[in-house]
Amino acid sequence: VLIGDEPEAGMENLMEVEIPKDVEEKLKELDAKEQEQMEKDKQECEKQQNESPEGLER
């Protein structure tokens, strides 16, 4: 990523840039969905391990 020598006014620190409310809400929604999917995947993995403990597969 190439950043110019002089950032525009208000862009000096990207951690302090205003994020539009609709974008912020969408990001929070996507984050919640991702967390939910990760938890679901984790539970499915644990369920599979409990059904077939390592070393007992045929």
C-alpha atoms as a PDB file:
ATOM      1  CA  VAL A   1       0.000   0.000   0.000  1.00  0.00           C
ATOM      2  CA  LEU A   2       1.394   3.353  -0.987  1.00  0.00           C
ATOM      3  CA  ILE A   3       0.509   6.333   1.179  1.00  0.00           C
ATOM      4  CA  GLY A   4       1.320   9.833  -0.072  1.00  0.00           C
ATOM      5  CA  ASP A   5       3.679  12.130   1.804  1.00  0.00           C
ATOM      6  CA  GLU A   6       0.993  14.483   3.068  1.00  0.00           C
ATOM      7  CA  PRO A   7      -2.347  12.947   4.110  1.00  0.00           C
ATOM      8  CA  GLU A   8      -5.535  14.904   3.513  1.00  0.00           C
ATOM      9  CA  ALA A   9      -6.985  16.913   6.371  1.00  0.00           C
ATOM     10  CA  GLY A  10      -8.599  14.581   8.892  1.00  0.00           C
ATOM     11  CA  MET A  11      -6.784  11.534   7.507  1.00  0.00           C
ATOM     12  CA  GLU A  12      -3.588  11.845   9.557  1.00  0.00           C
ATOM     13  CA  ASN A  13      -4.603   9.046  11.905  1.00  0.00           C
ATOM     14  CA  LEU A  14      -6.825   6.409  10.316  1.00  0.00           C
ATOM     15  CA  MET A  15      -7.766   5.093  13.761  1.00  0.00           C
ATOM     16  CA  GLU A  16      -9.648   8.361  14.342  1.00  0.00           C
ATOM     17  CA  VAL A  17     -11.561   8.532  11.039  1.00  0.00           C
ATOM     18  CA  GLU A  18     -15.347   8.842  11.341  1.00  0.00           C
ATOM     19  CA  ILE A  19     -17.156   5.675  10.246  1.00  0.00           C
ATOM     20  CA  PRO A  20     -20.707   6.180   8.943  1.00  0.00           C
ATOM     21  CA  LYS A  21     -23.324   4.642  11.262  1.00  0.00           C
ATOM     22  CA  ASP A  22     -24.751   2.365   8.544  1.00  0.00           C
ATOM     23  CA  VAL A  23     -21.284   0.986   7.769  1.00  0.00           C
ATOM     24  CA  GLU A  24     -20.540   0.496  11.469  1.00  0.00           C
ATOM     25  CA  GLU A  25     -23.846  -1.358  11.985  1.00  0.00           C
ATOM     26  CA  LYS A  26     -23.195  -3.583   8.958  1.00  0.00           C
ATOM     27  CA  LEU A  27     -19.693  -4.431  10.224  1.00  0.00           C
ATOM     28  CA  LYS A  28     -21.062  -5.286  13.681  1.00  0.00           C
ATOM     29  CA  GLU A  29     -23.745  -7.473  12.089  1.00  0.00           C
ATOM     30  CA  LEU A  30     -21.176  -9.306   9.966  1.00  0.00           C
ATOM     31  CA  ASP A  31     -18.907  -9.734  12.995  1.00  0.00           C
ATOM     32  CA  ALA A  32     -21.768 -11.239  15.013  1.00  0.00           C
ATOM     33  CA  LYS A  33     -22.577 -13.652  12.170  1.00  0.00           C
ATOM     34  CA  GLU A  34     -18.915 -14.650  11.912  1.00  0.00           C
ATOM     35  CA  GLN A  35     -18.694 -15.269  15.672  1.00  0.00           C
ATOM     36  CA  GLU A  36     -21.892 -17.336  15.529  1.00  0.00           C
ATOM     37  CA  GLN A  37     -20.532 -19.418  12.634  1.00  0.00           C
ATOM     38  CA  MET A  38     -17.216 -19.971  14.421  1.00  0.00           C
ATOM     39  CA  GLU A  39     -19.034 -21.167  17.551  1.00  0.00           C
ATOM     40  CA  LYS A  40     -21.225 -23.467  15.459  1.00  0.00           C
ATOM     41  CA  ASP A  41     -18.152 -24.900  13.682  1.00  0.00           C
ATOM     42  CA  LYS A  42     -16.393 -25.405  17.030  1.00  0.00           C
ATOM     43  CA  GLN A  43     -19.386 -27.271  18.465  1.00  0.00           C
ATOM     44  CA  GLU A  44     -19.629 -29.443  15.343  1.00  0.00           C
ATOM     45  CA  CYS A  45     -15.919 -30.285  15.568  1.00  0.00           C
ATOM     46  CA  GLU A  46     -16.222 -31.186  19.266  1.00  0.00           C
ATOM     47  CA  LYS A  47     -19.285 -33.317  18.506  1.00  0.00           C
ATOM     48  CA  GLN A  48     -17.389 -35.237  15.811  1.00  0.00           C
ATOM     49  CA  GLN A  49     -14.429 -35.792  18.145  1.00  0.00           C
ATOM     50  CA  ASN A  50     -16.735 -37.115  20.874  1.00  0.00           C
ATOM     51  CA  GLU A  51     -18.439 -39.501  18.450  1.00  0.00           C
ATOM     52  CA  SER A  52     -15.131 -40.860  17.150  1.00  0.00           C
ATOM     53  CA  PRO A  53     -12.313 -40.411  19.683  1.00  0.00           C
ATOM     54  CA  GLU A  54      -8.827 -40.368  18.191  1.00  0.00           C
ATOM     55  CA  GLY A  55      -7.334 -43.844  17.896  1.00  0.00           C
ATOM     56  CA  LEU A  56     -10.684 -45.639  17.878  1.00  0.00           C
ATOM     57  CA  GLU A  57     -11.574 -45.123  14.205  1.00  0.00           C
ATOM     58  CA  ARG A  58     -11.942 -48.166  12.015  1.00  0.00           C
END
